[in-house]
Amino acid sequence: MSFAGLNDADVAAALAACTAADSFNHKAFFAKVGLASKSNDDVKKAFYVIDQDKSGFIEEDELKLFLQNFSASARALTDAETKAFLADGDKDGDGMIGVDEFAAMIKG
């Protein structure tokens, strides 16, 4: 499943850049797929796709499968990648990433 408005070639290139374990960098990924240049509404739509359980937060288990939101055949993130991603996004220390924290990660 691809996010509306993202170029398929950009998504494929971003996924190809992080096929090796421990090669995922969320800031580089957001820039490569073009999410960083999207509107706040598009970023929020992306958040709600990643929030698989519709809890209003992206938890660690959802982050682990982050790349699979872009391509079902993409790999799961390693524990180290997942923890780094969560640590960067979880500004209030509740162990989850809310929609505003997610938007700040992408736009920041």
PDB file of N, CA and C in Angstrom:
ATOM      1  N   MET A   1       0.844  -1.163   0.000  1.00  0.00           N
ATOM      2  CA  MET A   1       0.000   0.000   0.000  1.00  0.00           C
ATOM      3  C   MET A   1       0.897   1.236   0.000  1.00  0.00           C
ATOM      4  N   SER A   2       0.648   2.117  -0.917  1.00  0.00           N
ATOM      5  CA  SER A   2       1.440   3.335  -1.005  1.00  0.00           C
ATOM      6  C   SER A   2       0.596   4.507  -0.522  1.00  0.00           C
ATOM      7  N   PHE A   3       1.241   5.502  -0.013  1.00  0.00           N
ATOM      8  CA  PHE A   3       0.524   6.690   0.423  1.00  0.00           C
ATOM      9  C   PHE A   3       0.154   7.528  -0.780  1.00  0.00           C
ATOM     10  N   ALA A   4      -1.034   8.069  -0.780  1.00  0.00           N
ATOM     11  CA  ALA A   4      -1.497   8.907  -1.885  1.00  0.00           C
ATOM     12  C   ALA A   4      -0.563  10.104  -2.040  1.00  0.00           C
ATOM     13  N   GLY A   5      -0.238  10.385  -3.268  1.00  0.00           N
ATOM     14  CA  GLY A   5       0.583  11.552  -3.540  1.00  0.00           C
ATOM     15  C   GLY A   5       2.076  11.301  -3.560  1.00  0.00           C
ATOM     16  N   LEU A   6       2.523  10.127  -3.155  1.00  0.00           N
ATOM     17  CA  LEU A   6       3.951   9.834  -3.202  1.00  0.00           C
ATOM     18  C   LEU A   6       4.277   9.161  -4.527  1.00  0.00           C
ATOM     19  N   ASN A   7       5.394   9.534  -5.080  1.00  0.00           N
ATOM     20  CA  ASN A   7       5.852   8.979  -6.348  1.00  0.00           C
ATOM     21  C   ASN A   7       6.361   7.560  -6.125  1.00  0.00           C
ATOM     22  N   ASP A   8       5.838   6.611  -6.911  1.00  0.00           N
ATOM     23  CA  ASP A   8       6.238   5.206  -6.736  1.00  0.00           C
ATOM     24  C   ASP A   8       7.743   5.003  -6.897  1.00  0.00           C
ATOM     25  N   ALA A   9       8.354   5.733  -7.814  1.00  0.00           N
ATOM     26  CA  ALA A   9       9.805   5.602  -8.026  1.00  0.00           C
ATOM     27  C   ALA A   9      10.575   6.101  -6.806  1.00  0.00           C
ATOM     28  N   ASP A  10      10.092   7.180  -6.183  1.00  0.00           N
ATOM     29  CA  ASP A  10      10.741   7.699  -4.973  1.00  0.00           C
ATOM     30  C   ASP A  10      10.623   6.698  -3.829  1.00  0.00           C
ATOM     31  N   VAL A  11       9.444   6.089  -3.704  1.00  0.00           N
ATOM     32  CA  VAL A  11       9.229   5.087  -2.653  1.00  0.00           C
ATOM     33  C   VAL A  11      10.151   3.895  -2.884  1.00  0.00           C
ATOM     34  N   ALA A  12      10.221   3.418  -4.121  1.00  0.00           N
ATOM     35  CA  ALA A  12      11.077   2.271  -4.446  1.00  0.00           C
ATOM     36  C   ALA A  12      12.542   2.583  -4.154  1.00  0.00           C
ATOM     37  N   ALA A  13      12.984   3.784  -4.502  1.00  0.00           N
ATOM     38  CA  ALA A  13      14.379   4.181  -4.248  1.00  0.00           C
ATOM     39  C   ALA A  13      14.656   4.268  -2.747  1.00  0.00           C
ATOM     40  N   ALA A  14      13.714   4.809  -1.988  1.00  0.00           N
ATOM     41  CA  ALA A  14      13.896   4.927  -0.538  1.00  0.00           C
ATOM     42  C   ALA A  14      13.950   3.540   0.110  1.00  0.00           C
ATOM     43  N   LEU A  15      13.089   2.635  -0.345  1.00  0.00           N
ATOM     44  CA  LEU A  15      13.105   1.268   0.191  1.00  0.00           C
ATOM     45  C   LEU A  15      14.394   0.543  -0.185  1.00  0.00           C
ATOM     46  N   ALA A  16      14.864   0.750  -1.408  1.00  0.00           N
ATOM     47  CA  ALA A  16      16.103   0.105  -1.863  1.00  0.00           C
ATOM     48  C   ALA A  16      17.304   0.583  -1.051  1.00  0.00           C
ATOM     49  N   ALA A  17      17.251   1.824  -0.579  1.00  0.00           N
ATOM     50  CA  ALA A  17      18.365   2.394   0.177  1.00  0.00           C
ATOM     51  C   ALA A  17      18.483   1.818   1.587  1.00  0.00           C
ATOM     52  N   CYS A  18      17.460   1.102   2.023  1.00  0.00           N
ATOM     53  CA  CYS A  18      17.516   0.575   3.395  1.00  0.00           C
ATOM     54  C   CYS A  18      17.163  -0.907   3.456  1.00  0.00           C
ATOM     55  N   THR A  19      17.589  -1.652   2.447  1.00  0.00           N
ATOM     56  CA  THR A  19      17.308  -3.097   2.446  1.00  0.00           C
ATOM     57  C   THR A  19      18.188  -3.866   3.424  1.00  0.00           C
ATOM     58  N   ALA A  20      19.376  -3.378   3.674  1.00  0.00           N
ATOM     59  CA  ALA A  20      20.279  -4.061   4.610  1.00  0.00           C
ATOM     60  C   ALA A  20      19.857  -3.770   6.049  1.00  0.00           C
ATOM     61  N   ALA A  21      20.023  -4.749   6.915  1.00  0.00           N
ATOM     62  CA  ALA A  21      19.723  -4.560   8.329  1.00  0.00           C
ATOM     63  C   ALA A  21      20.537  -3.394   8.888  1.00  0.00           C
ATOM     64  N   ASP A  22      19.903  -2.616   9.722  1.00  0.00           N
ATOM     65  CA  ASP A  22      20.516  -1.454  10.388  1.00  0.00           C
ATOM     66  C   ASP A  22      20.936  -0.347   9.420  1.00  0.00           C
ATOM     67  N   SER A  23      20.305  -0.291   8.243  1.00  0.00           N
ATOM     68  CA  SER A  23      20.606   0.789   7.292  1.00  0.00           C
ATOM     69  C   SER A  23      19.491   1.827   7.227  1.00  0.00           C
ATOM     70  N   PHE A  24      18.415   1.631   7.993  1.00  0.00           N
ATOM     71  CA  PHE A  24      17.271   2.543   7.951  1.00  0.00           C
ATOM     72  C   PHE A  24      17.547   3.796   8.760  1.00  0.00           C
ATOM     73  N   ASN A  25      17.318   4.938   8.131  1.00  0.00           N
ATOM     74  CA  ASN A  25      17.389   6.238   8.801  1.00  0.00           C
ATOM     75  C   ASN A  25      16.081   6.944   8.467  1.00  0.00           C
ATOM     76  N   HIS A  26      15.246   7.159   9.463  1.00  0.00           N
ATOM     77  CA  HIS A  26      13.914   7.696   9.190  1.00  0.00           C
ATOM     78  C   HIS A  26      13.950   9.080   8.542  1.00  0.00           C
ATOM     79  N   LYS A  27      14.886   9.927   8.934  1.00  0.00           N
ATOM     80  CA  LYS A  27      14.956  11.271   8.336  1.00  0.00           C
ATOM     81  C   LYS A  27      15.300  11.186   6.845  1.00  0.00           C
ATOM     82  N   ALA A  28      16.266  10.351   6.506  1.00  0.00           N
ATOM     83  CA  ALA A  28      16.630  10.167   5.099  1.00  0.00           C
ATOM     84  C   ALA A  28      15.481   9.537   4.336  1.00  0.00           C
ATOM     85  N   PHE A  29      14.800   8.581   4.964  1.00  0.00           N
ATOM     86  CA  PHE A  29      13.680   7.917   4.306  1.00  0.00           C
ATOM     87  C   PHE A  29      12.560   8.909   4.011  1.00  0.00           C
ATOM     88  N   PHE A  30      12.190   9.727   4.990  1.00  0.00           N
ATOM     89  CA  PHE A  30      11.124  10.712   4.793  1.00  0.00           C
ATOM     90  C   PHE A  30      11.469  11.666   3.655  1.00  0.00           C
ATOM     91  N   ALA A  31      12.728  12.079   3.594  1.00  0.00           N
ATOM     92  CA  ALA A  31      13.159  12.987   2.523  1.00  0.00           C
ATOM     93  C   ALA A  31      13.100  12.291   1.167  1.00  0.00           C
ATOM     94  N   LYS A  32      13.591  11.043   1.100  1.00  0.00           N
ATOM     95  CA  LYS A  32      13.632  10.319  -0.187  1.00  0.00           C
ATOM     96  C   LYS A  32      12.247  10.024  -0.755  1.00  0.00           C
ATOM     97  N   VAL A  33      11.298   9.675   0.093  1.00  0.00           N
ATOM     98  CA  VAL A  33       9.959   9.361  -0.409  1.00  0.00           C
ATOM     99  C   VAL A  33       9.156  10.618  -0.714  1.00  0.00           C
ATOM    100  N   GLY A  34       9.650  11.767  -0.264  1.00  0.00           N
ATOM    101  CA  GLY A  34       8.959  13.021  -0.529  1.00  0.00           C
ATOM    102  C   GLY A  34       7.935  13.394   0.529  1.00  0.00           C
ATOM    103  N   LEU A  35       7.876  12.634   1.621  1.00  0.00           N
ATOM    104  CA  LEU A  35       6.906  12.929   2.670  1.00  0.00           C
ATOM    105  C   LEU A  35       7.213  14.249   3.370  1.00  0.00           C
ATOM    106  N   ALA A  36       8.489  14.583   3.455  1.00  0.00           N
ATOM    107  CA  ALA A  36       8.884  15.817   4.130  1.00  0.00           C
ATOM    108  C   ALA A  36       8.349  17.066   3.427  1.00  0.00           C
ATOM    109  N   SER A  37       8.081  16.954   2.137  1.00  0.00           N
ATOM    110  CA  SER A  37       7.590  18.126   1.389  1.00  0.00           C
ATOM    111  C   SER A  37       6.072  18.132   1.230  1.00  0.00           C
ATOM    112  N   LYS A  38       5.387  17.166   1.825  1.00  0.00           N
ATOM    113  CA  LYS A  38       3.927  17.082   1.717  1.00  0.00           C
ATOM    114  C   LYS A  38       3.244  18.009   2.725  1.00  0.00           C
ATOM    115  N   SER A  39       1.969  18.260   2.480  1.00  0.00           N
ATOM    116  CA  SER A  39       1.179  19.110   3.375  1.00  0.00           C
ATOM    117  C   SER A  39       0.977  18.412   4.721  1.00  0.00           C
ATOM    118  N   ASN A  40       0.603  19.204   5.717  1.00  0.00           N
ATOM    119  CA  ASN A  40       0.328  18.629   7.037  1.00  0.00           C
ATOM    120  C   ASN A  40      -0.806  17.614   6.959  1.00  0.00           C
ATOM    121  N   ASP A  41      -1.797  17.855   6.104  1.00  0.00           N
ATOM    122  CA  ASP A  41      -2.896  16.899   5.947  1.00  0.00           C
ATOM    123  C   ASP A  41      -2.394  15.577   5.399  1.00  0.00           C
ATOM    124  N   ASP A  42      -1.488  15.620   4.409  1.00  0.00           N
ATOM    125  CA  ASP A  42      -0.925  14.390   3.845  1.00  0.00           C
ATOM    126  C   ASP A  42      -0.098  13.641   4.880  1.00  0.00           C
ATOM    127  N   VAL A  43       0.637  14.385   5.698  1.00  0.00           N
ATOM    128  CA  VAL A  43       1.440  13.761   6.755  1.00  0.00           C
ATOM    129  C   VAL A  43       0.526  13.065   7.761  1.00  0.00           C
ATOM    130  N   LYS A  44      -0.585  13.719   8.101  1.00  0.00           N
ATOM    131  CA  LYS A  44      -1.538  13.110   9.032  1.00  0.00           C
ATOM    132  C   LYS A  44      -2.170  11.864   8.422  1.00  0.00           C
ATOM    133  N   LYS A  45      -2.465  11.884   7.133  1.00  0.00           N
ATOM    134  CA  LYS A  45      -3.002  10.697   6.460  1.00  0.00           C
ATOM    135  C   LYS A  45      -1.996   9.555   6.548  1.00  0.00           C
ATOM    136  N   ALA A  46      -0.720   9.865   6.356  1.00  0.00           N
ATOM    137  CA  ALA A  46       0.327   8.852   6.463  1.00  0.00           C
ATOM    138  C   ALA A  46       0.360   8.273   7.878  1.00  0.00           C
ATOM    139  N   PHE A  47       0.254   9.140   8.868  1.00  0.00           N
ATOM    140  CA  PHE A  47       0.235   8.689  10.267  1.00  0.00           C
ATOM    141  C   PHE A  47      -0.864   7.655  10.486  1.00  0.00           C
ATOM    142  N   TYR A  48      -2.051   7.952   9.990  1.00  0.00           N
ATOM    143  CA  TYR A  48      -3.190   7.066  10.246  1.00  0.00           C
ATOM    144  C   TYR A  48      -3.093   5.746   9.485  1.00  0.00           C
ATOM    145  N   VAL A  49      -2.318   5.697   8.418  1.00  0.00           N
ATOM    146  CA  VAL A  49      -2.052   4.427   7.746  1.00  0.00           C
ATOM    147  C   VAL A  49      -1.089   3.587   8.603  1.00  0.00           C
ATOM    148  N   ILE A  50      -0.071   4.237   9.147  1.00  0.00           N
ATOM    149  CA  ILE A  50       0.934   3.541   9.966  1.00  0.00           C
ATOM    150  C   ILE A  50       0.334   3.076  11.297  1.00  0.00           C
ATOM    151  N   ASP A  51      -0.623   3.843  11.825  1.00  0.00           N
ATOM    152  CA  ASP A  51      -1.313   3.504  13.073  1.00  0.00           C
ATOM    153  C   ASP A  51      -2.296   2.364  12.790  1.00  0.00           C
ATOM    154  N   GLN A  52      -1.750   1.167  12.640  1.00  0.00           N
ATOM    155  CA  GLN A  52      -2.525  -0.007  12.214  1.00  0.00           C
ATOM    156  C   GLN A  52      -3.693  -0.337  13.140  1.00  0.00           C
ATOM    157  N   ASP A  53      -3.511  -0.174  14.442  1.00  0.00           N
ATOM    158  CA  ASP A  53      -4.584  -0.541  15.376  1.00  0.00           C
ATOM    159  C   ASP A  53      -5.552   0.610  15.655  1.00  0.00           C
ATOM    160  N   LYS A  54      -5.319   1.740  14.995  1.00  0.00           N
ATOM    161  CA  LYS A  54      -6.199   2.916  15.097  1.00  0.00           C
ATOM    162  C   LYS A  54      -6.342   3.421  16.529  1.00  0.00           C
ATOM    163  N   SER A  55      -5.242   3.330  17.285  1.00  0.00           N
ATOM    164  CA  SER A  55      -5.250   3.777  18.678  1.00  0.00           C
ATOM    165  C   SER A  55      -5.012   5.280  18.801  1.00  0.00           C
ATOM    166  N   GLY A  56      -4.587   5.915  17.709  1.00  0.00           N
ATOM    167  CA  GLY A  56      -4.236   7.329  17.777  1.00  0.00           C
ATOM    168  C   GLY A  56      -2.759   7.535  18.079  1.00  0.00           C
ATOM    169  N   PHE A  57      -2.029   6.423  18.198  1.00  0.00           N
ATOM    170  CA  PHE A  57      -0.594   6.455  18.467  1.00  0.00           C
ATOM    171  C   PHE A  57       0.090   5.384  17.633  1.00  0.00           C
ATOM    172  N   ILE A  58       1.354   5.621  17.327  1.00  0.00           N
ATOM    173  CA  ILE A  58       2.169   4.602  16.679  1.00  0.00           C
ATOM    174  C   ILE A  58       3.054   4.012  17.771  1.00  0.00           C
ATOM    175  N   GLU A  59       2.821   2.730  18.040  1.00  0.00           N
ATOM    176  CA  GLU A  59       3.574   2.036  19.077  1.00  0.00           C
ATOM    177  C   GLU A  59       4.770   1.321  18.451  1.00  0.00           C
ATOM    178  N   GLU A  60       5.618   0.784  19.309  1.00  0.00           N
ATOM    179  CA  GLU A  60       6.864   0.147  18.871  1.00  0.00           C
ATOM    180  C   GLU A  60       6.618  -0.978  17.866  1.00  0.00           C
ATOM    181  N   ASP A  61       5.584  -1.803  18.097  1.00  0.00           N
ATOM    182  CA  ASP A  61       5.332  -2.914  17.173  1.00  0.00           C
ATOM    183  C   ASP A  61       4.900  -2.409  15.792  1.00  0.00           C
ATOM    184  N   GLU A  62       4.230  -1.271  15.738  1.00  0.00           N
ATOM    185  CA  GLU A  62       3.843  -0.682  14.446  1.00  0.00           C
ATOM    186  C   GLU A  62       5.055  -0.066  13.748  1.00  0.00           C
ATOM    187  N   LEU A  63       5.965   0.512  14.527  1.00  0.00           N
ATOM    188  CA  LEU A  63       7.189   1.068  13.936  1.00  0.00           C
ATOM    189  C   LEU A  63       8.047  -0.036  13.330  1.00  0.00           C
ATOM    190  N   LYS A  64       8.090  -1.173  13.987  1.00  0.00           N
ATOM    191  CA  LYS A  64       8.905  -2.290  13.501  1.00  0.00           C
ATOM    192  C   LYS A  64       8.499  -2.670  12.072  1.00  0.00           C
ATOM    193  N   LEU A  65       7.206  -2.535  11.756  1.00  0.00           N
ATOM    194  CA  LEU A  65       6.672  -2.888  10.440  1.00  0.00           C
ATOM    195  C   LEU A  65       6.479  -1.659   9.545  1.00  0.00           C
ATOM    196  N   PHE A  66       7.092  -0.557   9.907  1.00  0.00           N
ATOM    197  CA  PHE A  66       6.934   0.717   9.205  1.00  0.00           C
ATOM    198  C   PHE A  66       7.118   0.608   7.693  1.00  0.00           C
ATOM    199  N   LEU A  67       8.205  -0.025   7.251  1.00  0.00           N
ATOM    200  CA  LEU A  67       8.508  -0.099   5.819  1.00  0.00           C
ATOM    201  C   LEU A  67       7.446  -0.882   5.055  1.00  0.00           C
ATOM    202  N   GLN A  68       6.798  -1.804   5.715  1.00  0.00           N
ATOM    203  CA  GLN A  68       5.790  -2.622   5.052  1.00  0.00           C
ATOM    204  C   GLN A  68       4.522  -1.837   4.719  1.00  0.00           C
ATOM    205  N   ASN A  69       4.378  -0.643   5.279  1.00  0.00           N
ATOM    206  CA  ASN A  69       3.285   0.235   4.888  1.00  0.00           C
ATOM    207  C   ASN A  69       3.507   0.754   3.472  1.00  0.00           C
ATOM    208  N   PHE A  70       4.744   0.782   3.055  1.00  0.00           N
ATOM    209  CA  PHE A  70       5.100   1.274   1.723  1.00  0.00           C
ATOM    210  C   PHE A  70       5.170   0.151   0.698  1.00  0.00           C
ATOM    211  N   SER A  71       5.555  -1.042   1.147  1.00  0.00           N
ATOM    212  CA  SER A  71       5.619  -2.219   0.280  1.00  0.00           C
ATOM    213  C   SER A  71       5.506  -3.467   1.150  1.00  0.00           C
ATOM    214  N   ALA A  72       4.566  -4.325   0.817  1.00  0.00           N
ATOM    215  CA  ALA A  72       4.344  -5.531   1.614  1.00  0.00           C
ATOM    216  C   ALA A  72       5.586  -6.418   1.672  1.00  0.00           C
ATOM    217  N   SER A  73       6.444  -6.313   0.672  1.00  0.00           N
ATOM    218  CA  SER A  73       7.641  -7.157   0.639  1.00  0.00           C
ATOM    219  C   SER A  73       8.834  -6.534   1.365  1.00  0.00           C
ATOM    220  N   ALA A  74       8.674  -5.345   1.902  1.00  0.00           N
ATOM    221  CA  ALA A  74       9.779  -4.678   2.613  1.00  0.00           C
ATOM    222  C   ALA A  74      10.077  -5.418   3.915  1.00  0.00           C
ATOM    223  N   ARG A  75      11.295  -5.252   4.392  1.00  0.00           N
ATOM    224  CA  ARG A  75      11.715  -5.932   5.617  1.00  0.00           C
ATOM    225  C   ARG A  75      11.172  -5.208   6.854  1.00  0.00           C
ATOM    226  N   ALA A  76      11.154  -5.919   7.949  1.00  0.00           N
ATOM    227  CA  ALA A  76      10.850  -5.309   9.237  1.00  0.00           C
ATOM    228  C   ALA A  76      12.112  -4.586   9.718  1.00  0.00           C
ATOM    229  N   LEU A  77      11.921  -3.544  10.492  1.00  0.00           N
ATOM    230  CA  LEU A  77      13.072  -2.846  11.063  1.00  0.00           C
ATOM    231  C   LEU A  77      13.703  -3.711  12.152  1.00  0.00           C
ATOM    232  N   THR A  78      14.993  -3.554  12.345  1.00  0.00           N
ATOM    233  CA  THR A  78      15.675  -4.253  13.440  1.00  0.00           C
ATOM    234  C   THR A  78      15.242  -3.612  14.758  1.00  0.00           C
ATOM    235  N   ASP A  79      15.518  -4.297  15.854  1.00  0.00           N
ATOM    236  CA  ASP A  79      15.184  -3.736  17.161  1.00  0.00           C
ATOM    237  C   ASP A  79      15.897  -2.410  17.381  1.00  0.00           C
ATOM    238  N   ALA A  80      17.154  -2.328  16.969  1.00  0.00           N
ATOM    239  CA  ALA A  80      17.925  -1.090  17.149  1.00  0.00           C
ATOM    240  C   ALA A  80      17.322   0.053  16.324  1.00  0.00           C
ATOM    241  N   GLU A  81      16.943  -0.238  15.079  1.00  0.00           N
ATOM    242  CA  GLU A  81      16.324   0.790  14.233  1.00  0.00           C
ATOM    243  C   GLU A  81      14.986   1.248  14.812  1.00  0.00           C
ATOM    244  N   THR A  82      14.214   0.290  15.283  1.00  0.00           N
ATOM    245  CA  THR A  82      12.904   0.604  15.852  1.00  0.00           C
ATOM    246  C   THR A  82      13.050   1.481  17.085  1.00  0.00           C
ATOM    247  N   LYS A  83      13.980   1.116  17.962  1.00  0.00           N
ATOM    248  CA  LYS A  83      14.181   1.881  19.193  1.00  0.00           C
ATOM    249  C   LYS A  83      14.690   3.291  18.892  1.00  0.00           C
ATOM    250  N   ALA A  84      15.579   3.441  17.911  1.00  0.00           N
ATOM    251  CA  ALA A  84      16.081   4.767  17.539  1.00  0.00           C
ATOM    252  C   ALA A  84      14.965   5.620  16.942  1.00  0.00           C
ATOM    253  N   PHE A  85      14.140   5.031  16.101  1.00  0.00           N
ATOM    254  CA  PHE A  85      13.004   5.706  15.485  1.00  0.00           C
ATOM    255  C   PHE A  85      12.039   6.191  16.572  1.00  0.00           C
ATOM    256  N   LEU A  86      11.704   5.310  17.502  1.00  0.00           N
ATOM    257  CA  LEU A  86      10.796   5.653  18.589  1.00  0.00           C
ATOM    258  C   LEU A  86      11.390   6.740  19.481  1.00  0.00           C
ATOM    259  N   ALA A  87      12.656   6.614  19.817  1.00  0.00           N
ATOM    260  CA  ALA A  87      13.307   7.593  20.695  1.00  0.00           C
ATOM    261  C   ALA A  87      13.295   8.981  20.070  1.00  0.00           C
ATOM    262  N   ASP A  88      13.480   9.068  18.762  1.00  0.00           N
ATOM    263  CA  ASP A  88      13.493  10.371  18.095  1.00  0.00           C
ATOM    264  C   ASP A  88      12.102  10.984  18.032  1.00  0.00           C
ATOM    265  N   GLY A  89      11.088  10.146  17.864  1.00  0.00           N
ATOM    266  CA  GLY A  89       9.742  10.672  17.701  1.00  0.00           C
ATOM    267  C   GLY A  89       8.970  10.885  18.984  1.00  0.00           C
ATOM    268  N   ASP A  90       9.273  10.126  20.018  1.00  0.00           N
ATOM    269  CA  ASP A  90       8.519  10.173  21.274  1.00  0.00           C
ATOM    270  C   ASP A  90       9.022  11.307  22.160  1.00  0.00           C
ATOM    271  N   LYS A  91       8.522  12.505  21.907  1.00  0.00           N
ATOM    272  CA  LYS A  91       9.015  13.679  22.636  1.00  0.00           C
ATOM    273  C   LYS A  91       8.454  13.797  24.050  1.00  0.00           C
ATOM    274  N   ASP A  92       7.278  13.192  24.306  1.00  0.00           N
ATOM    275  CA  ASP A  92       6.694  13.324  25.642  1.00  0.00           C
ATOM    276  C   ASP A  92       6.997  12.126  26.553  1.00  0.00           C
ATOM    277  N   GLY A  93       7.762  11.149  26.028  1.00  0.00           N
ATOM    278  CA  GLY A  93       8.223  10.045  26.852  1.00  0.00           C
ATOM    279  C   GLY A  93       7.178   9.010  27.224  1.00  0.00           C
ATOM    280  N   ASP A  94       6.063   8.934  26.466  1.00  0.00           N
ATOM    281  CA  ASP A  94       5.022   7.968  26.805  1.00  0.00           C
ATOM    282  C   ASP A  94       5.192   6.619  26.109  1.00  0.00           C
ATOM    283  N   GLY A  95       6.283   6.475  25.337  1.00  0.00           N
ATOM    284  CA  GLY A  95       6.545   5.206  24.678  1.00  0.00           C
ATOM    285  C   GLY A  95       5.817   5.021  23.360  1.00  0.00           C
ATOM    286  N   MET A  96       5.179   6.090  22.883  1.00  0.00           N
ATOM    287  CA  MET A  96       4.426   6.047  21.629  1.00  0.00           C
ATOM    288  C   MET A  96       4.642   7.359  20.877  1.00  0.00           C
ATOM    289  N   ILE A  97       4.306   7.352  19.589  1.00  0.00           N
ATOM    290  CA  ILE A  97       4.400   8.565  18.784  1.00  0.00           C
ATOM    291  C   ILE A  97       2.990   9.005  18.413  1.00  0.00           C
ATOM    292  N   GLY A  98       2.616  10.190  18.853  1.00  0.00           N
ATOM    293  CA  GLY A  98       1.321  10.766  18.505  1.00  0.00           C
ATOM    294  C   GLY A  98       1.400  11.467  17.158  1.00  0.00           C
ATOM    295  N   VAL A  99       0.260  11.884  16.661  1.00  0.00           N
ATOM    296  CA  VAL A  99       0.208  12.496  15.330  1.00  0.00           C
ATOM    297  C   VAL A  99       1.052  13.771  15.262  1.00  0.00           C
ATOM    298  N   ASP A 100       1.019  14.591  16.305  1.00  0.00           N
ATOM    299  CA  ASP A 100       1.811  15.825  16.297  1.00  0.00           C
ATOM    300  C   ASP A 100       3.302  15.527  16.386  1.00  0.00           C
ATOM    301  N   GLU A 101       3.675  14.511  17.155  1.00  0.00           N
ATOM    302  CA  GLU A 101       5.082  14.109  17.240  1.00  0.00           C
ATOM    303  C   GLU A 101       5.553  13.576  15.889  1.00  0.00           C
ATOM    304  N   PHE A 102       4.691  12.814  15.210  1.00  0.00           N
ATOM    305  CA  PHE A 102       5.017  12.272  13.903  1.00  0.00           C
ATOM    306  C   PHE A 102       5.243  13.404  12.894  1.00  0.00           C
ATOM    307  N   ALA A 103       4.327  14.364  12.890  1.00  0.00           N
ATOM    308  CA  ALA A 103       4.453  15.501  11.974  1.00  0.00           C
ATOM    309  C   ALA A 103       5.729  16.284  12.255  1.00  0.00           C
ATOM    310  N   ALA A 104       6.059  16.464  13.518  1.00  0.00           N
ATOM    311  CA  ALA A 104       7.284  17.185  13.883  1.00  0.00           C
ATOM    312  C   ALA A 104       8.531  16.436  13.405  1.00  0.00           C
ATOM    313  N   MET A 105       8.496  15.097  13.464  1.00  0.00           N
ATOM    314  CA  MET A 105       9.635  14.303  12.988  1.00  0.00           C
ATOM    315  C   MET A 105       9.843  14.512  11.491  1.00  0.00           C
ATOM    316  N   ILE A 106       8.767  14.529  10.759  1.00  0.00           N
ATOM    317  CA  ILE A 106       8.848  14.636   9.301  1.00  0.00           C
ATOM    318  C   ILE A 106       9.211  16.035   8.871  1.00  0.00           C
ATOM    319  N   LYS A 107       8.612  17.014   9.482  1.00  0.00           N
ATOM    320  CA  LYS A 107       8.819  18.411   9.072  1.00  0.00           C
ATOM    321  C   LYS A 107      10.079  19.001   9.700  1.00  0.00           C
ATOM    322  N   GLY A 108      10.567  18.340  10.768  1.00  0.00           N
ATOM    323  CA  GLY A 108      11.706  18.886  11.505  1.00  0.00           C
ATOM    324  C   GLY A 108      12.962  18.547  10.933  1.00  0.00           C
TER     325      GLY A 108
END
